């Protein structure tokens, strides 16, 4: 569904927060807006209620015009360079999901 809003959800266990923010965070943040995304939420201290990965991790959710925009960002040479900055300082899990269209009647 090409015109459906999509979200990228990132969970990161960061080993060196200062280096992560100064390098990767700054570079990736500029690229998110360049490629059409916007941050919906960024914050540390996720609480794991079920599963075996992510307790205490940082979470980032970004909204995009569609899944194709995320893939253009993710596969760009600019992002490849930024992504290399997080090597050895963060363990990361990245998910992409399309936002379903629903009405208020669907929510009840």
Protein backbone atom coordinates (compact mmCIF):
# COMPACT_ATOMS: atom_id res chain seq x y z
CA UNK A 1 0.00 0.00 0.00
CA UNK A 2 2.07 2.81 -1.35
CA UNK A 3 0.21 5.80 0.16
CA UNK A 4 -0.06 4.43 3.70
CA UNK A 5 1.91 6.14 6.48
CA UNK A 6 4.65 3.90 7.86
CA UNK A 7 6.63 3.86 11.08
CA UNK A 8 10.16 2.83 11.90
CA UNK A 9 10.59 1.58 15.46
CA UNK A 10 14.13 1.33 16.80
CA UNK A 11 15.17 -0.28 20.08
CA UNK A 12 18.80 0.41 21.02
CA UNK A 13 20.91 -0.81 23.91
CA UNK A 14 23.53 1.93 23.98
CA UNK A 15 26.95 1.30 25.52
CA UNK A 16 28.36 4.83 25.11
CA UNK A 17 25.48 7.32 25.11
CA UNK A 18 27.62 10.46 24.56
CA UNK A 19 29.40 8.98 21.52
CA UNK A 20 26.12 7.61 20.16
CA UNK A 21 24.29 10.95 20.37
CA UNK A 22 27.20 13.09 19.14
CA UNK A 23 27.99 10.86 16.16
CA UNK A 24 25.23 8.59 14.98
CA UNK A 25 22.31 10.46 16.57
CA UNK A 26 23.25 13.78 15.04
CA UNK A 27 23.94 12.34 11.57
CA UNK A 28 20.87 10.06 11.48
CA UNK A 29 18.60 12.82 12.78
CA UNK A 30 19.51 15.12 9.90
CA UNK A 31 18.91 12.30 7.40
CA UNK A 32 15.50 11.36 8.80
CA UNK A 33 14.11 14.79 7.93
CA UNK A 34 16.01 14.90 4.61
CA UNK A 35 14.35 11.65 3.51
CA UNK A 36 10.84 12.68 4.61
CA UNK A 37 10.57 11.23 8.10
CA UNK A 38 9.82 12.88 11.41
CA UNK A 39 10.41 11.74 14.95
CA UNK A 40 7.30 10.87 16.93
CA UNK A 41 9.11 9.72 20.08
CA UNK A 42 12.69 9.43 21.32
CA UNK A 43 13.63 8.39 24.81
CA UNK A 44 15.70 6.11 27.04
CA UNK A 45 14.57 3.70 29.73
CA UNK A 46 12.16 1.28 28.04
CA UNK A 47 10.55 -1.16 30.45
CA UNK A 48 10.39 -4.75 29.24
CA UNK A 49 7.11 -6.40 30.21
CA UNK A 50 7.50 -9.55 28.12
CA UNK A 51 10.21 -11.11 25.96
CA UNK A 52 13.95 -11.23 26.37
CA UNK A 53 15.35 -8.07 24.75
CA UNK A 54 15.09 -4.34 25.32
CA UNK A 55 14.82 -3.68 29.06
CA UNK A 56 16.37 -0.26 29.77
CA UNK A 57 16.92 0.38 26.06
CA UNK A 58 16.28 3.61 24.22
CA UNK A 59 13.32 3.71 21.83
CA UNK A 60 12.90 5.84 18.73
CA UNK A 61 9.75 5.96 16.61
CA UNK A 62 9.72 7.88 13.36
CA UNK A 63 6.81 8.45 10.98
CA UNK A 64 7.26 8.36 7.21
CA UNK A 65 5.04 9.03 4.19
CA UNK A 66 5.25 5.33 3.26
CA UNK A 67 7.44 2.23 3.49
CA UNK A 68 9.29 3.19 0.29
CA UNK A 69 10.54 6.40 1.94
CA UNK A 70 11.95 4.35 4.82
CA UNK A 71 13.74 2.06 2.39
CA UNK A 72 15.20 5.02 0.46
CA UNK A 73 16.57 6.35 3.77
CA UNK A 74 17.76 2.95 5.01
CA UNK A 75 19.51 2.00 1.76
CA UNK A 76 21.08 5.40 1.07
CA UNK A 77 24.87 5.83 1.05
CA UNK A 78 24.43 8.72 3.51
CA UNK A 79 22.70 6.49 6.05
CA UNK A 80 25.25 3.70 5.54
CA UNK A 81 27.94 6.17 6.64
CA UNK A 82 25.89 7.28 9.65
CA UNK A 83 25.05 3.70 10.62
CA UNK A 84 28.75 2.82 10.75
CA UNK A 85 29.11 5.37 13.58
CA UNK A 86 27.07 3.17 15.92
CA UNK A 87 29.23 0.07 15.40
CA UNK A 88 30.49 -1.29 18.74
CA UNK A 89 28.52 1.31 20.77
CA UNK A 90 24.94 0.06 20.36
CA UNK A 91 22.98 -3.12 19.81
CA UNK A 92 19.98 -2.22 17.69
CA UNK A 93 16.70 -3.79 16.60
CA UNK A 94 14.77 -2.01 13.81
CA UNK A 95 11.19 -2.69 12.72
CA UNK A 96 9.01 -1.15 10.01
CA UNK A 97 5.22 -1.24 10.09
CA UNK A 98 2.48 0.36 8.02
CA UNK A 99 -0.21 2.33 9.83
CA UNK A 100 -3.63 0.82 9.25
CA UNK A 101 -6.44 3.09 8.19
CA UNK A 102 -9.35 2.93 10.59
CA UNK A 103 -12.31 5.01 11.64
CA UNK A 104 -13.48 5.81 15.14
CA UNK A 105 -16.09 3.07 14.69
CA UNK A 106 -13.24 0.57 14.29
CA UNK A 107 -11.73 1.62 17.65
CA UNK A 108 -14.72 0.56 19.75
